[in-house]
N, C-alpha and C. Protein backbone atom coordinates (compact mmCIF):
# COMPACT_ATOMS: atom_id res chain seq x y z
N MET A 1 177.80 161.32 18.23
CA MET A 1 176.84 161.78 19.21
C MET A 1 177.17 161.14 20.56
N LEU A 2 177.19 161.95 21.58
CA LEU A 2 177.50 161.48 22.92
C LEU A 2 176.26 160.91 23.60
N PRO A 3 176.45 159.89 24.46
CA PRO A 3 175.30 159.36 25.19
C PRO A 3 174.79 160.41 26.16
N PRO A 4 173.52 160.32 26.57
CA PRO A 4 172.98 161.31 27.51
C PRO A 4 173.74 161.24 28.83
N GLU A 5 173.87 162.39 29.47
CA GLU A 5 174.56 162.45 30.75
C GLU A 5 173.69 161.85 31.84
N LEU A 6 174.32 161.07 32.69
CA LEU A 6 173.61 160.50 33.82
C LEU A 6 173.35 161.58 34.87
N PRO A 7 172.29 161.42 35.63
CA PRO A 7 172.10 162.38 36.73
C PRO A 7 173.24 162.21 37.72
N PRO A 8 173.55 163.25 38.46
CA PRO A 8 174.66 163.14 39.40
C PRO A 8 174.32 162.22 40.57
N LEU A 9 175.33 161.60 41.10
CA LEU A 9 175.14 160.80 42.31
C LEU A 9 174.81 161.74 43.47
N PRO A 10 173.97 161.30 44.38
CA PRO A 10 173.73 162.13 45.56
C PRO A 10 174.99 162.16 46.43
N ALA A 11 175.05 163.12 47.31
CA ALA A 11 176.19 163.22 48.22
C ALA A 11 176.17 162.02 49.17
N LEU A 12 177.25 161.27 49.18
CA LEU A 12 177.38 160.09 50.03
C LEU A 12 178.65 160.21 50.85
N THR A 13 178.63 159.61 52.04
CA THR A 13 179.88 159.48 52.77
C THR A 13 180.73 158.46 52.03
N ARG A 14 182.00 158.44 52.34
CA ARG A 14 182.88 157.45 51.71
C ARG A 14 182.41 156.04 52.05
N ALA A 15 181.95 155.84 53.29
CA ALA A 15 181.47 154.52 53.71
C ALA A 15 180.18 154.14 52.97
N GLU A 16 179.28 155.11 52.75
CA GLU A 16 178.06 154.82 52.00
C GLU A 16 178.38 154.46 50.55
N ALA A 17 179.31 155.17 49.96
CA ALA A 17 179.71 154.87 48.58
C ALA A 17 180.31 153.46 48.49
N GLU A 18 181.11 153.10 49.48
CA GLU A 18 181.69 151.76 49.52
C GLU A 18 180.59 150.71 49.67
N LEU A 19 179.61 150.98 50.52
CA LEU A 19 178.48 150.07 50.71
C LEU A 19 177.74 149.85 49.39
N ILE A 20 177.44 150.93 48.68
CA ILE A 20 176.73 150.82 47.41
C ILE A 20 177.54 150.01 46.40
N ASP A 21 178.83 150.31 46.29
CA ASP A 21 179.68 149.59 45.34
C ASP A 21 179.75 148.10 45.66
N ARG A 22 179.95 147.76 46.92
CA ARG A 22 180.05 146.35 47.30
C ARG A 22 178.71 145.64 47.16
N TYR A 23 177.62 146.33 47.46
CA TYR A 23 176.28 145.75 47.29
C TYR A 23 176.04 145.40 45.82
N LEU A 24 176.37 146.32 44.94
CA LEU A 24 176.17 146.06 43.52
C LEU A 24 177.09 144.94 43.01
N ASP A 25 178.29 144.83 43.57
CA ASP A 25 179.16 143.70 43.22
C ASP A 25 178.47 142.38 43.53
N VAL A 26 177.87 142.29 44.72
CA VAL A 26 177.19 141.07 45.14
C VAL A 26 175.97 140.82 44.25
N VAL A 27 175.20 141.85 43.97
CA VAL A 27 174.01 141.71 43.13
C VAL A 27 174.41 141.20 41.74
N ASP A 28 175.47 141.77 41.17
CA ASP A 28 175.91 141.33 39.84
C ASP A 28 176.28 139.85 39.84
N LEU A 29 176.97 139.41 40.87
CA LEU A 29 177.35 138.00 40.94
C LEU A 29 176.13 137.10 41.14
N LEU A 30 175.21 137.51 42.00
CA LEU A 30 173.99 136.72 42.19
C LEU A 30 173.20 136.62 40.89
N GLY A 31 173.20 137.68 40.11
CA GLY A 31 172.53 137.63 38.81
C GLY A 31 173.17 136.62 37.87
N ARG A 32 174.49 136.47 37.96
CA ARG A 32 175.19 135.49 37.12
C ARG A 32 174.94 134.06 37.60
N ILE A 33 174.66 133.91 38.90
CA ILE A 33 174.42 132.58 39.47
C ILE A 33 172.97 132.14 39.30
N ASN A 34 172.06 133.06 39.13
CA ASN A 34 170.62 132.79 39.11
C ASN A 34 170.29 131.61 38.19
N PRO A 35 169.79 130.50 38.76
CA PRO A 35 169.50 129.33 37.94
C PRO A 35 168.29 129.51 37.03
N ALA A 36 167.52 130.55 37.22
CA ALA A 36 166.36 130.80 36.36
C ALA A 36 166.76 131.58 35.11
N ARG A 37 168.02 131.93 34.99
CA ARG A 37 168.52 132.68 33.82
C ARG A 37 169.36 131.74 32.96
N PRO A 38 169.35 131.98 31.65
CA PRO A 38 170.18 131.13 30.78
C PRO A 38 171.67 131.37 31.05
N GLY A 39 172.45 130.35 30.85
CA GLY A 39 173.89 130.43 31.04
C GLY A 39 174.45 129.05 31.29
N ASP A 40 175.76 129.01 31.46
CA ASP A 40 176.38 127.70 31.69
C ASP A 40 176.79 127.57 33.16
N THR A 41 177.01 126.35 33.57
CA THR A 41 177.35 126.10 34.97
C THR A 41 178.71 126.67 35.33
N TYR A 42 179.64 126.70 34.40
CA TYR A 42 180.97 127.23 34.71
C TYR A 42 180.90 128.70 35.08
N ARG A 43 180.09 129.46 34.35
CA ARG A 43 179.93 130.88 34.66
C ARG A 43 179.34 131.05 36.06
N GLY A 44 178.34 130.24 36.38
CA GLY A 44 177.75 130.29 37.71
C GLY A 44 178.73 129.88 38.79
N LEU A 45 179.53 128.86 38.51
CA LEU A 45 180.54 128.42 39.47
C LEU A 45 181.55 129.52 39.75
N ARG A 46 182.04 130.17 38.70
CA ARG A 46 183.02 131.26 38.87
C ARG A 46 182.40 132.41 39.68
N ALA A 47 181.16 132.73 39.40
CA ALA A 47 180.50 133.80 40.13
C ALA A 47 180.32 133.41 41.60
N ALA A 48 179.96 132.15 41.86
CA ALA A 48 179.78 131.69 43.24
C ALA A 48 181.10 131.74 44.00
N GLN A 49 182.18 131.39 43.34
CA GLN A 49 183.49 131.46 43.99
C GLN A 49 183.85 132.91 44.33
N ALA A 50 183.56 133.82 43.44
CA ALA A 50 183.88 135.23 43.67
C ALA A 50 182.95 135.85 44.71
N LEU A 51 181.76 135.29 44.87
CA LEU A 51 180.77 135.84 45.79
C LEU A 51 181.28 135.87 47.23
N VAL A 52 182.05 134.90 47.61
CA VAL A 52 182.56 134.83 48.98
C VAL A 52 183.37 136.10 49.31
N GLY A 53 184.29 136.46 48.44
CA GLY A 53 185.11 137.65 48.66
C GLY A 53 184.30 138.93 48.62
N LYS A 54 183.35 139.01 47.71
CA LYS A 54 182.52 140.22 47.59
C LYS A 54 181.59 140.37 48.78
N ALA A 55 181.04 139.25 49.27
CA ALA A 55 180.18 139.30 50.45
C ALA A 55 180.99 139.74 51.68
N THR A 56 182.23 139.31 51.76
CA THR A 56 183.10 139.75 52.86
C THR A 56 183.35 141.25 52.78
N ALA A 57 183.58 141.75 51.57
CA ALA A 57 183.81 143.19 51.39
C ALA A 57 182.55 143.98 51.75
N LEU A 58 181.38 143.44 51.42
CA LEU A 58 180.11 144.09 51.79
C LEU A 58 179.96 144.13 53.31
N ARG A 59 180.25 143.01 53.95
CA ARG A 59 180.20 142.97 55.41
C ARG A 59 181.16 143.99 56.02
N ASP A 60 182.36 144.08 55.46
CA ASP A 60 183.36 145.02 55.98
C ASP A 60 182.90 146.47 55.81
N ALA A 61 182.24 146.77 54.70
CA ALA A 61 181.73 148.13 54.48
C ALA A 61 180.67 148.49 55.53
N LEU A 62 179.78 147.54 55.81
CA LEU A 62 178.76 147.77 56.83
C LEU A 62 179.37 147.85 58.23
N THR A 63 180.37 147.04 58.50
CA THR A 63 181.06 147.09 59.79
C THR A 63 181.71 148.45 59.99
N LEU A 64 182.37 148.95 58.96
CA LEU A 64 183.03 150.25 59.05
C LEU A 64 182.01 151.36 59.31
N MET A 65 180.88 151.31 58.62
CA MET A 65 179.84 152.31 58.86
C MET A 65 179.38 152.26 60.31
N HIS A 66 179.14 151.06 60.81
CA HIS A 66 178.69 150.90 62.20
C HIS A 66 179.74 151.43 63.18
N GLN A 67 181.00 151.11 62.93
CA GLN A 67 182.07 151.56 63.83
C GLN A 67 182.22 153.08 63.81
N ARG A 68 181.93 153.71 62.69
CA ARG A 68 182.02 155.16 62.58
C ARG A 68 180.79 155.87 63.14
N GLY A 69 179.84 155.12 63.63
CA GLY A 69 178.64 155.72 64.21
C GLY A 69 177.55 155.98 63.19
N GLU A 70 177.71 155.50 61.99
CA GLU A 70 176.65 155.64 60.98
C GLU A 70 175.68 154.49 61.23
N SER A 71 174.75 154.72 62.15
CA SER A 71 173.89 153.64 62.60
C SER A 71 172.62 153.48 61.78
N GLU A 72 172.31 154.43 60.92
CA GLU A 72 171.11 154.33 60.10
C GLU A 72 171.47 154.44 58.63
N LEU A 73 170.76 153.66 57.83
CA LEU A 73 170.90 153.78 56.37
C LEU A 73 169.88 154.81 55.89
N HIS A 74 170.32 155.75 55.14
CA HIS A 74 169.43 156.78 54.59
C HIS A 74 168.89 156.26 53.25
N ALA A 75 167.84 155.47 53.37
CA ALA A 75 167.31 154.71 52.24
C ALA A 75 166.99 155.57 51.01
N PRO A 76 166.32 156.72 51.13
CA PRO A 76 166.02 157.50 49.92
C PRO A 76 167.28 157.92 49.16
N THR A 77 168.30 158.34 49.90
CA THR A 77 169.55 158.76 49.26
C THR A 77 170.27 157.58 48.63
N LEU A 78 170.33 156.47 49.36
CA LEU A 78 171.00 155.29 48.82
C LEU A 78 170.23 154.70 47.64
N ALA A 79 168.91 154.75 47.68
CA ALA A 79 168.11 154.27 46.54
C ALA A 79 168.36 155.14 45.31
N GLN A 80 168.50 156.45 45.51
CA GLN A 80 168.81 157.34 44.39
C GLN A 80 170.16 156.97 43.79
N ALA A 81 171.15 156.71 44.63
CA ALA A 81 172.47 156.31 44.14
C ALA A 81 172.38 155.00 43.36
N LEU A 82 171.60 154.05 43.87
CA LEU A 82 171.44 152.77 43.16
C LEU A 82 170.79 152.97 41.80
N ARG A 83 169.81 153.86 41.72
CA ARG A 83 169.17 154.12 40.43
C ARG A 83 170.16 154.73 39.43
N VAL A 84 170.96 155.69 39.89
CA VAL A 84 171.95 156.32 39.01
C VAL A 84 172.94 155.27 38.50
N LEU A 85 173.28 154.30 39.33
CA LEU A 85 174.25 153.27 38.97
C LEU A 85 173.60 152.04 38.33
N ASP A 86 172.37 152.19 37.84
CA ASP A 86 171.67 151.14 37.12
C ASP A 86 171.32 149.95 38.02
N GLY A 87 171.12 150.22 39.29
CA GLY A 87 170.84 149.17 40.25
C GLY A 87 169.54 148.43 40.00
N GLU A 88 168.54 149.11 39.46
CA GLU A 88 167.25 148.43 39.20
C GLU A 88 167.42 147.32 38.16
N ARG A 89 168.11 147.63 37.08
CA ARG A 89 168.33 146.62 36.04
C ARG A 89 169.21 145.49 36.57
N ARG A 90 170.25 145.86 37.31
CA ARG A 90 171.18 144.86 37.83
C ARG A 90 170.49 143.95 38.84
N ALA A 91 169.66 144.50 39.70
CA ALA A 91 168.96 143.70 40.71
C ALA A 91 167.87 142.83 40.07
N ALA A 92 167.32 143.27 38.95
CA ALA A 92 166.28 142.49 38.27
C ALA A 92 166.82 141.14 37.79
N ARG A 93 168.12 141.04 37.57
CA ARG A 93 168.72 139.77 37.12
C ARG A 93 168.71 138.71 38.22
N VAL A 94 168.48 139.15 39.47
CA VAL A 94 168.48 138.23 40.60
C VAL A 94 167.12 137.56 40.75
N THR A 95 166.07 138.20 40.25
CA THR A 95 164.72 137.68 40.42
C THR A 95 164.40 136.59 39.40
N VAL A 96 163.31 135.91 39.64
CA VAL A 96 162.83 134.91 38.68
C VAL A 96 162.16 135.67 37.53
N PRO A 97 162.56 135.39 36.29
CA PRO A 97 161.95 136.10 35.16
C PRO A 97 160.45 135.79 35.07
N PRO A 98 159.69 136.72 34.49
CA PRO A 98 158.26 136.47 34.33
C PRO A 98 158.01 135.24 33.46
N ARG A 99 156.92 134.58 33.73
CA ARG A 99 156.54 133.37 32.98
C ARG A 99 156.21 133.76 31.55
N SER A 100 156.74 133.01 30.60
CA SER A 100 156.37 133.25 29.20
C SER A 100 155.34 132.21 28.81
N ASP A 101 154.16 132.67 28.48
CA ASP A 101 153.06 131.76 28.12
C ASP A 101 153.07 131.51 26.62
N SER A 102 154.10 130.80 26.14
CA SER A 102 154.17 130.51 24.71
C SER A 102 153.90 129.07 24.44
């Protein structure tokens, strides 16, 4: 049985697609670094080291958009793309988990 098909990505410029990809790269690394999540320090250290390069790539994607005259982010379209790419779950790893009253 095949997994359900994902909804299609909205139409994005190449620069917007690059922005979304680089943003999610940074979010994934921040989720690995999050001290409120279980894990070991080595994993967090490796993620922090990689974060520098990914943050630079994110900055470069935004710079390119600005240079091309894409001065506004179309939030509804970009939010839809993030949802299709599982951005809500990925970004949730960056937050502090809910308190467990056990």
